[in-house]
Amino acid sequence: MADNEAFTYNGGKVEPGETQDIRYGISETYLGDPVRIPVTIINGERPGPTVFLSAAAHGDELNGIEVVREVAYEWDLADFTGTLVCMPVMNVPAFLAQQRYLPIYDRDLNRSFPGSETSTGAKRMAHRIYQNFIAPCDLGIDFHTSTRGRTNMLHVRADMSDPAVARLANAFGSHVIIDSSGSSGMLRTESSADGTPAITVEMGEAHRFQRELIDEALAGVESVFAEYGLRETSTVNWPGWRTVISDENEKTWLRADAGGIVDMHHDRGALVHQGDRICTITNPFKDDNVTVVAPFTGLLVGVLENPVVYPGNPLCHLVELKDKVRRVVEREQSGAPEATR
């Protein structure tokens, strides 16, 4: 088999069989000091796909950081076929401030791709990241969490109308895939449009590491590596059941119709049936309760963690399940054994 090619970026090169840890300059501070992001590039000896793993495009979303770090620094990648580009912290200024957006006019880095050399600070940062470490890749996974005060079960967001993106989303092996093209400026949206299929993996909440979700995401990465022949030791994972949410009528955000203190009766990932009480909103005296019920039978993909709301604040993200999938989930959550075929 022919040798792999060198991976090149503006200012450097990684030869086949080499690994480089770099701090790549993407901007400057008010003092003129460089703003650098950590990047690890693992270039296998054998040719294969070039893959990016990215996290912390929003600086307070930490779970994905540990996923990317463990793949880059703890996995045995001696048999890796192709090239792996790992960016555990893309939004360094927001990470240092421990906030979602860039602390420069509160701009969203994940609405700034593919960026521009001559536009805003956010788009200049996005441009340097995109041109050097996203555009050269053949596929990619971008890790996120819910915003602060909410939490998500692990799920994939992907444009399932694109066959290359659908292959990647299915390979990750999550129970839930939310089918959407994404917003303009999103990393996965712009990368996929440019011919590098990419997905977003949502997992947990901001400002913390959640070990069970990190492990679940690591299993998804290994499954993707198997699907694309990147590691001989990996196998493609089938999660046991899967639902793809494509119709807008199959999902809804339930929002508070009253302000108050929320008692959430279910955790993320719970199955609720039509009419079930999802949460109760009360005032400080507990004498004016508002009950929120499920409008249809489905899965709670995301729920509120911070138990205070104004009217209009989101309470939970509910997705509908087909009957066959619902029966499997009911058995799984009740602890009953799977029916034999």
C-alpha atoms as a PDB file:
ATOM      1  CA  MET A   1       0.000   0.000   0.000  1.00  0.00           C
ATOM      2  CA  ALA A   2       1.259   3.499  -0.835  1.00  0.00           C
ATOM      3  CA  ASP A   3       2.399   5.803   1.961  1.00  0.00           C
ATOM      4  CA  ASN A   4       0.082   8.483   3.274  1.00  0.00           C
ATOM      5  CA  GLU A   5       0.635  12.102   2.246  1.00  0.00           C
ATOM      6  CA  ALA A   6       1.825  14.879   4.530  1.00  0.00           C
ATOM      7  CA  PHE A   7      -0.862  17.018   6.175  1.00  0.00           C
ATOM      8  CA  THR A   8      -0.099  20.681   5.583  1.00  0.00           C
ATOM      9  CA  TYR A   9      -1.419  23.828   7.216  1.00  0.00           C
ATOM     10  CA  ASN A  10      -0.330  27.445   6.959  1.00  0.00           C
ATOM     11  CA  GLY A  11       2.983  27.398   8.790  1.00  0.00           C
ATOM     12  CA  GLY A  12       3.622  23.685   9.128  1.00  0.00           C
ATOM     13  CA  LYS A  13       3.534  20.111   7.883  1.00  0.00           C
ATOM     14  CA  VAL A  14       2.902  16.739   9.524  1.00  0.00           C
ATOM     15  CA  GLU A  15       4.605  13.838   7.765  1.00  0.00           C
ATOM     16  CA  PRO A  16       3.135  10.299   7.617  1.00  0.00           C
ATOM     17  CA  GLY A  17       3.706   8.479  10.890  1.00  0.00           C
ATOM     18  CA  GLU A  18       4.100  11.732  12.840  1.00  0.00           C
ATOM     19  CA  THR A  19       2.003  13.408  15.534  1.00  0.00           C
ATOM     20  CA  GLN A  20       2.178  17.131  16.242  1.00  0.00           C
ATOM     21  CA  ASP A  21       0.766  19.119  19.155  1.00  0.00           C
ATOM     22  CA  ILE A  22       0.577  22.759  18.124  1.00  0.00           C
ATOM     23  CA  ARG A  23      -0.828  26.001  19.463  1.00  0.00           C
ATOM     24  CA  TYR A  24      -2.096  27.713  16.340  1.00  0.00           C
ATOM     25  CA  GLY A  25      -2.547  31.479  16.248  1.00  0.00           C
ATOM     26  CA  ILE A  26      -5.996  32.622  15.161  1.00  0.00           C
ATOM     27  CA  SER A  27      -6.147  36.187  16.528  1.00  0.00           C
ATOM     28  CA  GLU A  28      -4.594  38.692  18.946  1.00  0.00           C
ATOM     29  CA  THR A  29      -5.623  40.182  22.272  1.00  0.00           C
ATOM     30  CA  TYR A  30      -6.009  43.889  23.102  1.00  0.00           C
ATOM     31  CA  LEU A  31      -2.341  43.793  24.125  1.00  0.00           C
ATOM     32  CA  GLY A  32      -1.266  42.331  20.819  1.00  0.00           C
ATOM     33  CA  ASP A  33      -0.514  38.920  22.307  1.00  0.00           C
ATOM     34  CA  PRO A  34      -1.428  35.898  20.175  1.00  0.00           C
ATOM     35  CA  VAL A  35      -4.653  33.960  20.711  1.00  0.00           C
ATOM     36  CA  ARG A  36      -3.781  30.324  20.050  1.00  0.00           C
ATOM     37  CA  ILE A  37      -5.907  27.189  19.904  1.00  0.00           C
ATOM     38  CA  PRO A  38      -4.572  23.717  20.770  1.00  0.00           C
ATOM     39  CA  VAL A  39      -4.524  21.337  17.813  1.00  0.00           C
ATOM     40  CA  THR A  40      -3.224  17.771  17.659  1.00  0.00           C
ATOM     41  CA  ILE A  41      -2.640  16.240  14.229  1.00  0.00           C
ATOM     42  CA  ILE A  42      -2.061  12.483  13.998  1.00  0.00           C
ATOM     43  CA  ASN A  43      -0.993  11.493  10.503  1.00  0.00           C
ATOM     44  CA  GLY A  44      -1.089   7.740   9.979  1.00  0.00           C
ATOM     45  CA  GLU A  45       1.440   5.950   7.827  1.00  0.00           C
ATOM     46  CA  ARG A  46      -1.269   4.479   5.587  1.00  0.00           C
ATOM     47  CA  PRO A  47      -3.546   6.620   3.404  1.00  0.00           C
ATOM     48  CA  GLY A  48      -7.187   7.051   4.378  1.00  0.00           C
ATOM     49  CA  PRO A  49      -9.774   9.705   5.213  1.00  0.00           C
ATOM     50  CA  THR A  50      -8.829  12.893   7.033  1.00  0.00           C
ATOM     51  CA  VAL A  51     -11.152  13.445   9.994  1.00  0.00           C
ATOM     52  CA  PHE A  52     -11.635  16.391  12.345  1.00  0.00           C
ATOM     53  CA  LEU A  53     -12.932  16.207  15.906  1.00  0.00           C
ATOM     54  CA  SER A  54     -13.797  19.599  17.384  1.00  0.00           C
ATOM     55  CA  ALA A  55     -15.207  20.856  20.674  1.00  0.00           C
ATOM     56  CA  ALA A  56     -15.835  24.041  22.650  1.00  0.00           C
ATOM     57  CA  ALA A  57     -16.937  26.219  19.761  1.00  0.00           C
ATOM     58  CA  HIS A  58     -18.989  27.544  22.675  1.00  0.00           C
ATOM     59  CA  GLY A  59     -16.520  28.124  25.481  1.00  0.00           C
ATOM     60  CA  ASP A  60     -18.573  26.758  28.377  1.00  0.00           C
ATOM     61  CA  GLU A  61     -19.490  23.441  26.680  1.00  0.00           C
ATOM     62  CA  LEU A  62     -16.951  21.100  28.224  1.00  0.00           C
ATOM     63  CA  ASN A  63     -18.015  17.477  27.666  1.00  0.00           C
ATOM     64  CA  GLY A  64     -16.700  17.392  24.108  1.00  0.00           C
ATOM     65  CA  ILE A  65     -13.292  18.640  25.237  1.00  0.00           C
ATOM     66  CA  GLU A  66     -12.718  15.434  27.166  1.00  0.00           C
ATOM     67  CA  VAL A  67     -13.956  13.297  24.265  1.00  0.00           C
ATOM     68  CA  VAL A  68     -11.461  14.872  21.860  1.00  0.00           C
ATOM     69  CA  ARG A  69      -8.604  14.778  24.392  1.00  0.00           C
ATOM     70  CA  GLU A  70      -9.106  11.111  25.207  1.00  0.00           C
ATOM     71  CA  VAL A  71      -9.151  10.119  21.532  1.00  0.00           C
ATOM     72  CA  ALA A  72      -6.007  12.165  20.824  1.00  0.00           C
ATOM     73  CA  TYR A  73      -3.952  11.373  23.906  1.00  0.00           C
ATOM     74  CA  GLU A  74      -5.246   8.121  25.444  1.00  0.00           C
ATOM     75  CA  TRP A  75      -6.274   5.926  22.514  1.00  0.00           C
ATOM     76  CA  ASP A  76      -3.733   3.674  20.835  1.00  0.00           C
ATOM     77  CA  LEU A  77      -3.720   5.061  17.296  1.00  0.00           C
ATOM     78  CA  ALA A  78      -0.710   3.103  16.056  1.00  0.00           C
ATOM     79  CA  ASP A  79      -2.916   1.351  13.491  1.00  0.00           C
ATOM     80  CA  PHE A  80      -4.696   4.554  12.405  1.00  0.00           C
ATOM     81  CA  THR A  81      -5.346   4.737   8.676  1.00  0.00           C
ATOM     82  CA  GLY A  82      -5.595   8.315   7.425  1.00  0.00           C
ATOM     83  CA  THR A  83      -5.258  11.578   9.339  1.00  0.00           C
ATOM     84  CA  LEU A  84      -6.904  12.803  12.523  1.00  0.00           C
ATOM     85  CA  VAL A  85      -7.206  16.513  13.356  1.00  0.00           C
ATOM     86  CA  CYS A  86      -8.206  17.125  16.986  1.00  0.00           C
ATOM     87  CA  MET A  87      -9.306  20.553  18.219  1.00  0.00           C
ATOM     88  CA  PRO A  88     -10.443  20.177  21.847  1.00  0.00           C
ATOM     89  CA  VAL A  89     -10.908  23.920  22.451  1.00  0.00           C
ATOM     90  CA  MET A  90     -11.790  25.950  19.360  1.00  0.00           C
ATOM     91  CA  ASN A  91     -13.086  29.027  21.162  1.00  0.00           C
ATOM     92  CA  VAL A  92     -10.189  29.804  23.491  1.00  0.00           C
ATOM     93  CA  PRO A  93     -11.290  33.353  24.481  1.00  0.00           C
ATOM     94  CA  ALA A  94     -14.745  32.116  25.535  1.00  0.00           C
ATOM     95  CA  PHE A  95     -13.213  29.070  27.238  1.00  0.00           C
ATOM     96  CA  LEU A  96     -10.946  31.293  29.324  1.00  0.00           C
ATOM     97  CA  ALA A  97     -13.942  33.442  30.284  1.00  0.00           C
ATOM     98  CA  GLN A  98     -16.081  30.310  30.812  1.00  0.00           C
ATOM     99  CA  GLN A  99     -18.901  31.708  28.737  1.00  0.00           C
ATOM    100  CA  ARG A 100     -20.733  30.575  25.623  1.00  0.00           C
ATOM    101  CA  TYR A 101     -19.837  33.368  23.200  1.00  0.00           C
ATOM    102  CA  LEU A 102     -16.660  35.218  22.353  1.00  0.00           C
ATOM    103  CA  PRO A 103     -16.131  37.933  24.976  1.00  0.00           C
ATOM    104  CA  ILE A 104     -15.670  40.356  22.073  1.00  0.00           C
ATOM    105  CA  TYR A 105     -19.130  41.783  21.381  1.00  0.00           C
ATOM    106  CA  ASP A 106     -20.632  38.390  22.411  1.00  0.00           C
ATOM    107  CA  ARG A 107     -20.299  36.958  18.920  1.00  0.00           C
ATOM    108  CA  ASP A 108     -21.100  33.295  18.275  1.00  0.00           C
ATOM    109  CA  LEU A 109     -18.151  31.454  16.748  1.00  0.00           C
ATOM    110  CA  ASN A 110     -20.531  28.698  15.618  1.00  0.00           C
ATOM    111  CA  ARG A 111     -22.408  31.171  13.433  1.00  0.00           C
ATOM    112  CA  SER A 112     -19.226  32.562  11.877  1.00  0.00           C
ATOM    113  CA  PHE A 113     -17.969  29.747   9.620  1.00  0.00           C
ATOM    114  CA  PRO A 114     -16.427  29.497   7.076  1.00  0.00           C
ATOM    115  CA  GLY A 115     -15.251  32.929   8.104  1.00  0.00           C
ATOM    116  CA  SER A 116     -13.558  35.773   6.297  1.00  0.00           C
ATOM    117  CA  GLU A 117     -10.095  37.317   6.295  1.00  0.00           C
ATOM    118  CA  THR A 118     -11.523  40.851   6.273  1.00  0.00           C
ATOM    119  CA  SER A 119     -14.689  40.714   8.404  1.00  0.00           C
ATOM    120  CA  THR A 120     -15.386  40.659  12.167  1.00  0.00           C
ATOM    121  CA  GLY A 121     -13.008  39.232  14.743  1.00  0.00           C
ATOM    122  CA  ALA A 122     -15.164  36.120  15.055  1.00  0.00           C
ATOM    123  CA  LYS A 123     -15.165  35.518  11.304  1.00  0.00           C
ATOM    124  CA  ARG A 124     -11.406  36.040  11.094  1.00  0.00           C
ATOM    125  CA  MET A 125     -10.899  33.413  13.789  1.00  0.00           C
ATOM    126  CA  ALA A 126     -13.333  31.075  12.056  1.00  0.00           C
ATOM    127  CA  HIS A 127     -11.543  31.596   8.735  1.00  0.00           C
ATOM    128  CA  ARG A 128      -8.166  30.546  10.118  1.00  0.00           C
ATOM    129  CA  ILE A 129      -9.625  27.482  11.812  1.00  0.00           C
ATOM    130  CA  TYR A 130     -11.692  26.516   8.781  1.00  0.00           C
ATOM    131  CA  GLN A 131      -9.078  26.947   6.067  1.00  0.00           C
ATOM    132  CA  ASN A 132      -6.307  25.158   7.956  1.00  0.00           C
ATOM    133  CA  PHE A 133      -8.086  22.370   9.823  1.00  0.00           C
ATOM    134  CA  ILE A 134     -11.632  21.861   8.454  1.00  0.00           C
ATOM    135  CA  ALA A 135     -11.441  22.338   4.682  1.00  0.00           C
ATOM    136  CA  PRO A 136      -8.648  19.735   4.211  1.00  0.00           C
ATOM    137  CA  CYS A 137     -10.777  17.042   5.902  1.00  0.00           C
ATOM    138  CA  ASP A 138     -13.074  14.390   4.449  1.00  0.00           C
ATOM    139  CA  LEU A 139     -15.512  14.263   7.403  1.00  0.00           C
ATOM    140  CA  GLY A 140     -15.896  15.655  10.899  1.00  0.00           C
ATOM    141  CA  ILE A 141     -17.688  15.560  14.244  1.00  0.00           C
ATOM    142  CA  ASP A 142     -18.371  18.740  16.234  1.00  0.00           C
ATOM    143  CA  PHE A 143     -19.217  18.220  19.926  1.00  0.00           C
ATOM    144  CA  HIS A 144     -21.600  20.455  21.862  1.00  0.00           C
ATOM    145  CA  THR A 145     -23.711  20.519  25.011  1.00  0.00           C
ATOM    146  CA  SER A 146     -26.924  22.280  25.825  1.00  0.00           C
ATOM    147  CA  THR A 147     -26.691  25.885  26.902  1.00  0.00           C
ATOM    148  CA  ARG A 148     -26.379  26.604  30.618  1.00  0.00           C
ATOM    149  CA  GLY A 149     -29.422  25.774  32.704  1.00  0.00           C
ATOM    150  CA  ARG A 150     -30.521  22.894  30.430  1.00  0.00           C
ATOM    151  CA  THR A 151     -29.272  19.387  29.668  1.00  0.00           C
ATOM    152  CA  ASN A 152     -29.548  17.088  26.627  1.00  0.00           C
ATOM    153  CA  MET A 153     -29.472  13.338  26.211  1.00  0.00           C
ATOM    154  CA  LEU A 154     -26.762  12.421  23.728  1.00  0.00           C
ATOM    155  CA  HIS A 155     -28.070  12.809  20.184  1.00  0.00           C
ATOM    156  CA  VAL A 156     -26.876  13.703  16.702  1.00  0.00           C
ATOM    157  CA  ARG A 157     -27.970  16.642  14.594  1.00  0.00           C
ATOM    158  CA  ALA A 158     -27.402  16.197  10.875  1.00  0.00           C
ATOM    159  CA  ASP A 159     -28.774  16.976   7.433  1.00  0.00           C
ATOM    160  CA  MET A 160     -30.091  13.513   6.556  1.00  0.00           C
ATOM    161  CA  SER A 161     -31.007  14.608   3.021  1.00  0.00           C
ATOM    162  CA  ASP A 162     -27.276  14.534   2.241  1.00  0.00           C
ATOM    163  CA  PRO A 163     -26.291  10.843   1.795  1.00  0.00           C
ATOM    164  CA  ALA A 164     -22.697  11.441   2.924  1.00  0.00           C
ATOM    165  CA  VAL A 165     -23.871  13.205   6.084  1.00  0.00           C
ATOM    166  CA  ALA A 166     -26.500  10.510   6.718  1.00  0.00           C
ATOM    167  CA  ARG A 167     -23.822   7.811   6.519  1.00  0.00           C
ATOM    168  CA  LEU A 168     -21.761   9.633   9.144  1.00  0.00           C
ATOM    169  CA  ALA A 169     -24.758  10.276  11.412  1.00  0.00           C
ATOM    170  CA  ASN A 170     -25.862   6.636  11.284  1.00  0.00           C
ATOM    171  CA  ALA A 171     -22.313   5.437  11.900  1.00  0.00           C
ATOM    172  CA  PHE A 172     -22.100   7.374  15.168  1.00  0.00           C
ATOM    173  CA  GLY A 173     -24.734   5.051  16.576  1.00  0.00           C
ATOM    174  CA  SER A 174     -26.887   7.382  18.693  1.00  0.00           C
ATOM    175  CA  HIS A 175     -30.466   6.530  19.579  1.00  0.00           C
ATOM    176  CA  VAL A 176     -31.789   9.877  18.319  1.00  0.00           C
ATOM    177  CA  ILE A 177     -30.912  11.797  15.164  1.00  0.00           C
ATOM    178  CA  ILE A 178     -32.554  15.181  14.648  1.00  0.00           C
ATOM    179  CA  ASP A 179     -32.639  15.857  10.927  1.00  0.00           C
ATOM    180  CA  SER A 180     -31.992  19.506  10.094  1.00  0.00           C
ATOM    181  CA  SER A 181     -29.836  21.434   7.668  1.00  0.00           C
ATOM    182  CA  GLY A 182     -28.635  23.726  10.447  1.00  0.00           C
ATOM    183  CA  SER A 183     -28.244  27.488  10.506  1.00  0.00           C
ATOM    184  CA  SER A 184     -26.025  29.578   8.277  1.00  0.00           C
ATOM    185  CA  GLY A 185     -22.560  29.904   9.779  1.00  0.00           C
ATOM    186  CA  MET A 186     -22.704  26.647  11.750  1.00  0.00           C
ATOM    187  CA  LEU A 187     -19.588  24.545  11.404  1.00  0.00           C
ATOM    188  CA  ARG A 188     -21.480  21.404  10.363  1.00  0.00           C
ATOM    189  CA  THR A 189     -23.667  23.321   7.908  1.00  0.00           C
ATOM    190  CA  GLU A 190     -20.850  25.097   6.115  1.00  0.00           C
ATOM    191  CA  SER A 191     -18.502  22.122   6.169  1.00  0.00           C
ATOM    192  CA  SER A 192     -21.126  19.798   4.697  1.00  0.00           C
ATOM    193  CA  ALA A 193     -22.031  22.350   2.019  1.00  0.00           C
ATOM    194  CA  ASP A 194     -18.352  22.512   1.039  1.00  0.00           C
ATOM    195  CA  GLY A 195     -18.121  18.749   0.602  1.00  0.00           C
ATOM    196  CA  THR A 196     -16.838  17.718   4.039  1.00  0.00           C
ATOM    197  CA  PRO A 197     -19.766  15.908   5.687  1.00  0.00           C
ATOM    198  CA  ALA A 198     -20.073  16.869   9.340  1.00  0.00           C
ATOM    199  CA  ILE A 199     -22.442  16.245  12.230  1.00  0.00           C
ATOM    200  CA  THR A 200     -23.109  17.886  15.578  1.00  0.00           C
ATOM    201  CA  VAL A 201     -23.189  15.687  18.670  1.00  0.00           C
ATOM    202  CA  GLU A 202     -25.178  17.194  21.551  1.00  0.00           C
ATOM    203  CA  MET A 203     -24.489  15.795  25.014  1.00  0.00           C
ATOM    204  CA  GLY A 204     -25.358  16.944  28.517  1.00  0.00           C
ATOM    205  CA  GLU A 205     -24.995  20.400  30.001  1.00  0.00           C
ATOM    206  CA  ALA A 206     -22.497  23.253  30.133  1.00  0.00           C
ATOM    207  CA  HIS A 207     -19.799  23.848  32.757  1.00  0.00           C
ATOM    208  CA  ARG A 208     -19.069  20.230  33.667  1.00  0.00           C
ATOM    209  CA  PHE A 209     -17.729  16.838  32.643  1.00  0.00           C
ATOM    210  CA  GLN A 210     -20.390  14.081  32.619  1.00  0.00           C
ATOM    211  CA  ARG A 211     -18.562  10.782  32.496  1.00  0.00           C
ATOM    212  CA  GLU A 212     -21.407   8.584  31.253  1.00  0.00           C
ATOM    213  CA  LEU A 213     -22.041  10.891  28.289  1.00  0.00           C
ATOM    214  CA  ILE A 214     -18.332  11.199  27.514  1.00  0.00           C
ATOM    215  CA  ASP A 215     -18.061   7.408  27.403  1.00  0.00           C
ATOM    216  CA  GLU A 216     -21.145   7.181  25.179  1.00  0.00           C
ATOM    217  CA  ALA A 217     -19.631   9.719  22.782  1.00  0.00           C
ATOM    218  CA  LEU A 218     -16.303   7.883  22.732  1.00  0.00           C
ATOM    219  CA  ALA A 219     -18.161   4.737  21.667  1.00  0.00           C
ATOM    220  CA  GLY A 220     -19.717   6.789  18.866  1.00  0.00           C
ATOM    221  CA  VAL A 221     -16.314   8.000  17.667  1.00  0.00           C
ATOM    222  CA  GLU A 222     -14.998   4.440  17.647  1.00  0.00           C
ATOM    223  CA  SER A 223     -18.011   3.365  15.609  1.00  0.00           C
ATOM    224  CA  VAL A 224     -17.336   6.123  13.061  1.00  0.00           C
ATOM    225  CA  PHE A 225     -13.696   5.080  12.841  1.00  0.00           C
ATOM    226  CA  ALA A 226     -14.857   1.537  12.059  1.00  0.00           C
ATOM    227  CA  GLU A 227     -17.336   2.673   9.403  1.00  0.00           C
ATOM    228  CA  TYR A 228     -14.611   4.541   7.499  1.00  0.00           C
ATOM    229  CA  GLY A 229     -11.855   1.971   8.015  1.00  0.00           C
ATOM    230  CA  LEU A 230      -9.742   4.227  10.213  1.00  0.00           C
ATOM    231  CA  ARG A 231      -8.953   1.649  12.905  1.00  0.00           C
ATOM    232  CA  GLU A 232      -8.763  -2.098  12.375  1.00  0.00           C
ATOM    233  CA  THR A 233      -9.761  -2.809  15.978  1.00  0.00           C
ATOM    234  CA  SER A 234     -13.014  -0.814  15.886  1.00  0.00           C
ATOM    235  CA  THR A 235     -16.489  -2.138  15.089  1.00  0.00           C
ATOM    236  CA  VAL A 236     -19.571  -0.267  13.901  1.00  0.00           C
ATOM    237  CA  ASN A 237     -22.097   0.144  16.707  1.00  0.00           C
ATOM    238  CA  TRP A 238     -25.843  -0.495  16.385  1.00  0.00           C
ATOM    239  CA  PRO A 239     -27.531   1.225  19.339  1.00  0.00           C
ATOM    240  CA  GLY A 240     -30.420  -1.262  19.539  1.00  0.00           C
ATOM    241  CA  TRP A 241     -33.020   1.263  18.450  1.00  0.00           C
ATOM    242  CA  ARG A 242     -32.954   4.538  16.567  1.00  0.00           C
ATOM    243  CA  THR A 243     -35.356   7.291  15.660  1.00  0.00           C
ATOM    244  CA  VAL A 244     -34.725   9.952  13.013  1.00  0.00           C
ATOM    245  CA  ILE A 245     -36.776  13.094  13.602  1.00  0.00           C
ATOM    246  CA  SER A 246     -37.358  14.755  10.236  1.00  0.00           C
ATOM    247  CA  ASP A 247     -40.832  16.280  10.461  1.00  0.00           C
ATOM    248  CA  GLU A 248     -41.237  19.523  12.409  1.00  0.00           C
ATOM    249  CA  ASN A 249     -44.475  18.067  13.813  1.00  0.00           C
ATOM    250  CA  GLU A 250     -42.458  15.260  15.437  1.00  0.00           C
ATOM    251  CA  LYS A 251     -40.686  17.604  17.843  1.00  0.00           C
ATOM    252  CA  THR A 252     -41.530  20.561  20.015  1.00  0.00           C
ATOM    253  CA  TRP A 253     -40.115  22.811  22.685  1.00  0.00           C
ATOM    254  CA  LEU A 254     -42.551  23.106  25.573  1.00  0.00           C
ATOM    255  CA  ARG A 255     -42.354  26.594  27.054  1.00  0.00           C
ATOM    256  CA  ALA A 256     -43.516  28.086  30.329  1.00  0.00           C
ATOM    257  CA  ASP A 257     -46.806  29.972  30.263  1.00  0.00           C
ATOM    258  CA  ALA A 258     -46.156  31.331  33.753  1.00  0.00           C
ATOM    259  CA  GLY A 259     -43.141  32.510  35.684  1.00  0.00           C
ATOM    260  CA  GLY A 260     -42.066  30.679  38.775  1.00  0.00           C
ATOM    261  CA  ILE A 261     -40.148  27.774  40.260  1.00  0.00           C
ATOM    262  CA  VAL A 262     -40.115  24.519  38.284  1.00  0.00           C
ATOM    263  CA  ASP A 263     -40.382  21.002  39.667  1.00  0.00           C
ATOM    264  CA  MET A 264     -39.263  18.754  36.780  1.00  0.00           C
ATOM    265  CA  HIS A 265     -40.729  15.255  37.125  1.00  0.00           C
ATOM    266  CA  HIS A 266     -38.581  13.512  34.492  1.00  0.00           C
ATOM    267  CA  ASP A 267     -34.917  13.442  33.524  1.00  0.00           C
ATOM    268  CA  ARG A 268     -33.389  13.763  30.058  1.00  0.00           C
ATOM    269  CA  GLY A 269     -33.964  10.661  27.947  1.00  0.00           C
ATOM    270  CA  ALA A 270     -37.188   9.705  29.716  1.00  0.00           C
ATOM    271  CA  LEU A 271     -40.177   8.388  27.780  1.00  0.00           C
ATOM    272  CA  VAL A 272     -43.386  10.272  28.569  1.00  0.00           C
ATOM    273  CA  HIS A 273     -46.882   9.450  27.364  1.00  0.00           C
ATOM    274  CA  GLN A 274     -49.505  11.853  26.096  1.00  0.00           C
ATOM    275  CA  GLY A 275     -51.094  13.578  29.083  1.00  0.00           C
ATOM    276  CA  ASP A 276     -48.267  12.715  31.484  1.00  0.00           C
ATOM    277  CA  ARG A 277     -47.273  15.513  33.850  1.00  0.00           C
ATOM    278  CA  ILE A 278     -43.804  16.681  32.786  1.00  0.00           C
ATOM    279  CA  CYS A 279     -43.314  19.450  35.319  1.00  0.00           C
ATOM    280  CA  THR A 280     -45.107  21.812  37.681  1.00  0.00           C
ATOM    281  CA  ILE A 281     -44.531  25.564  37.912  1.00  0.00           C
ATOM    282  CA  THR A 282     -45.303  27.150  41.294  1.00  0.00           C
ATOM    283  CA  ASN A 283     -44.982  30.518  42.972  1.00  0.00           C
ATOM    284  CA  PRO A 284     -43.043  30.935  46.256  1.00  0.00           C
ATOM    285  CA  PHE A 285     -46.205  30.128  48.259  1.00  0.00           C
ATOM    286  CA  LYS A 286     -47.064  26.989  46.247  1.00  0.00           C
ATOM    287  CA  ASP A 287     -50.656  28.131  45.975  1.00  0.00           C
ATOM    288  CA  ASP A 288     -50.933  28.758  42.242  1.00  0.00           C
ATOM    289  CA  ASN A 289     -49.609  25.646  40.491  1.00  0.00           C
ATOM    290  CA  VAL A 290     -49.361  25.351  36.710  1.00  0.00           C
ATOM    291  CA  THR A 291     -49.059  21.793  35.394  1.00  0.00           C
ATOM    292  CA  VAL A 292     -47.326  21.115  32.078  1.00  0.00           C
ATOM    293  CA  VAL A 293     -48.322  17.875  30.332  1.00  0.00           C
ATOM    294  CA  ALA A 294     -46.983  15.989  27.327  1.00  0.00           C
ATOM    295  CA  PRO A 295     -48.928  16.873  24.143  1.00  0.00           C
ATOM    296  CA  PHE A 296     -47.916  13.520  22.607  1.00  0.00           C
ATOM    297  CA  THR A 297     -45.997  10.392  23.537  1.00  0.00           C
ATOM    298  CA  GLY A 298     -42.286  10.903  23.072  1.00  0.00           C
ATOM    299  CA  LEU A 299     -38.771  11.169  24.408  1.00  0.00           C
ATOM    300  CA  LEU A 300     -37.414  14.062  26.446  1.00  0.00           C
ATOM    301  CA  VAL A 301     -34.273  14.911  24.484  1.00  0.00           C
ATOM    302  CA  GLY A 302     -33.615  18.001  26.589  1.00  0.00           C
ATOM    303  CA  VAL A 303     -34.884  19.259  29.956  1.00  0.00           C
ATOM    304  CA  LEU A 304     -34.510  22.270  32.195  1.00  0.00           C
ATOM    305  CA  GLU A 305     -31.854  22.114  34.923  1.00  0.00           C
ATOM    306  CA  ASN A 306     -32.074  25.629  36.347  1.00  0.00           C
ATOM    307  CA  PRO A 307     -35.487  25.482  38.087  1.00  0.00           C
ATOM    308  CA  VAL A 308     -36.615  29.090  37.582  1.00  0.00           C
ATOM    309  CA  VAL A 309     -38.435  30.478  34.546  1.00  0.00           C
ATOM    310  CA  TYR A 310     -40.021  33.542  33.053  1.00  0.00           C
ATOM    311  CA  PRO A 311     -43.041  33.074  30.777  1.00  0.00           C
ATOM    312  CA  GLY A 312     -41.760  31.838  27.421  1.00  0.00           C
ATOM    313  CA  ASN A 313     -38.644  30.136  28.763  1.00  0.00           C
ATOM    314  CA  PRO A 314     -38.060  26.601  27.426  1.00  0.00           C
ATOM    315  CA  LEU A 315     -38.892  23.716  29.760  1.00  0.00           C
ATOM    316  CA  CYS A 316     -38.100  20.641  27.667  1.00  0.00           C
ATOM    317  CA  HIS A 317     -37.488  19.374  24.139  1.00  0.00           C
ATOM    318  CA  LEU A 318     -39.867  16.526  23.268  1.00  0.00           C
ATOM    319  CA  VAL A 319     -39.579  14.286  20.192  1.00  0.00           C
ATOM    320  CA  GLU A 320     -42.238  11.858  19.006  1.00  0.00           C
ATOM    321  CA  LEU A 321     -41.518   8.149  18.605  1.00  0.00           C
ATOM    322  CA  LYS A 322     -42.975   5.733  16.079  1.00  0.00           C
ATOM    323  CA  ASP A 323     -44.993   2.904  17.645  1.00  0.00           C
ATOM    324  CA  LYS A 324     -42.367   0.213  17.056  1.00  0.00           C
ATOM    325  CA  VAL A 325     -39.579   2.313  18.547  1.00  0.00           C
ATOM    326  CA  ARG A 326     -41.826   3.383  21.428  1.00  0.00           C
ATOM    327  CA  ARG A 327     -42.465  -0.236  22.384  1.00  0.00           C
ATOM    328  CA  VAL A 328     -38.720  -0.974  22.409  1.00  0.00           C
ATOM    329  CA  VAL A 329     -38.041   2.079  24.580  1.00  0.00           C
ATOM    330  CA  GLU A 330     -40.865   1.144  26.953  1.00  0.00           C
ATOM    331  CA  ARG A 331     -39.354  -2.303  27.433  1.00  0.00           C
ATOM    332  CA  GLU A 332     -35.893  -0.847  27.882  1.00  0.00           C
ATOM    333  CA  GLN A 333     -36.938   1.748  30.457  1.00  0.00           C
ATOM    334  CA  SER A 334     -39.127  -0.710  32.372  1.00  0.00           C
ATOM    335  CA  GLY A 335     -36.222  -3.158  32.626  1.00  0.00           C
ATOM    336  CA  ALA A 336     -38.163  -5.864  30.782  1.00  0.00           C
ATOM    337  CA  PRO A 337     -36.159  -8.205  28.505  1.00  0.00           C
ATOM    338  CA  GLU A 338     -36.245  -7.677  24.743  1.00  0.00           C
ATOM    339  CA  ALA A 339     -38.858  -9.747  22.909  1.00  0.00           C
ATOM    340  CA  THR A 340     -37.379 -12.646  20.952  1.00  0.00           C
ATOM    341  CA  ARG A 341     -37.698 -12.611  17.204  1.00  0.00           C
END
